Amino acid sequence: MTVKRAEGSGKPYPSADAVTAICHALESEGVEFIPENGGGAGVRLTKANNEK
């Protein structure tokens, strides 16, 4: 439910600590968050993870 809420699909919105924990879990598995660069924010797998 916390992830669903963080995606904007539920109420109440999760705490900042919960969102931080989700981000850290994804990053530890090779997800890289890409900032806004004119084309919108996004995510991708890090190069090291793509080579597995």
Protein backbone atom coordinates (compact mmCIF):
# COMPACT_ATOMS: atom_id res chain seq x y z
CA MET A 1 0.00 0.00 0.00
CA THR A 2 2.85 2.41 0.74
CA VAL A 3 4.24 2.08 -2.80
CA LYS A 4 0.75 2.49 -4.27
CA ARG A 5 0.30 5.67 -2.25
CA ALA A 6 3.73 6.95 -3.30
CA GLU A 7 2.69 6.50 -6.93
CA GLY A 8 -0.22 8.84 -6.25
CA SER A 9 -2.84 6.09 -6.18
CA GLY A 10 -3.96 6.38 -2.60
CA LYS A 11 -4.57 8.49 0.41
CA PRO A 12 -3.01 9.42 2.74
CA TYR A 13 0.26 10.16 0.99
CA PRO A 14 3.15 8.22 2.58
CA SER A 15 5.57 9.92 4.94
CA ALA A 16 8.81 11.43 3.70
CA ASP A 17 10.66 8.65 5.55
CA ALA A 18 8.69 6.00 3.67
CA VAL A 19 9.41 7.63 0.30
CA THR A 20 13.11 7.89 1.20
CA ALA A 21 13.16 4.19 2.16
CA ILE A 22 11.56 3.24 -1.18
CA CYS A 23 14.12 5.34 -3.09
CA HIS A 24 17.04 3.81 -1.18
CA ALA A 25 15.74 0.28 -1.79
CA LEU A 26 15.43 0.93 -5.53
CA GLU A 27 18.85 2.59 -5.72
CA SER A 28 20.47 -0.35 -3.91
CA GLU A 29 19.17 -2.59 -6.70
CA GLY A 30 20.60 -0.42 -9.47
CA VAL A 31 17.86 2.09 -10.24
CA GLU A 32 19.14 5.59 -11.00
CA PHE A 33 16.81 8.56 -10.68
CA ILE A 34 17.28 11.08 -13.49
CA PRO A 35 16.46 14.73 -12.74
CA GLU A 36 14.33 16.95 -14.93
CA ASN A 37 16.33 17.75 -18.06
CA GLY A 38 13.78 19.30 -20.37
CA GLY A 39 12.26 15.94 -21.26
CA GLY A 40 10.95 15.15 -17.82
CA ALA A 41 12.30 13.29 -14.82
CA GLY A 42 12.79 9.56 -15.10
CA VAL A 43 14.59 6.41 -14.01
CA ARG A 44 17.01 3.94 -15.57
CA LEU A 45 19.16 1.02 -14.53
CA THR A 46 22.74 1.87 -13.75
CA LYS A 47 25.31 0.76 -16.29
CA ALA A 48 26.72 -1.91 -13.95
CA ASN A 49 23.26 -3.49 -13.61
CA ASN A 50 22.64 -3.39 -17.38
CA GLU A 51 25.76 -5.49 -17.97
CA LYS A 52 24.64 -8.39 -15.76
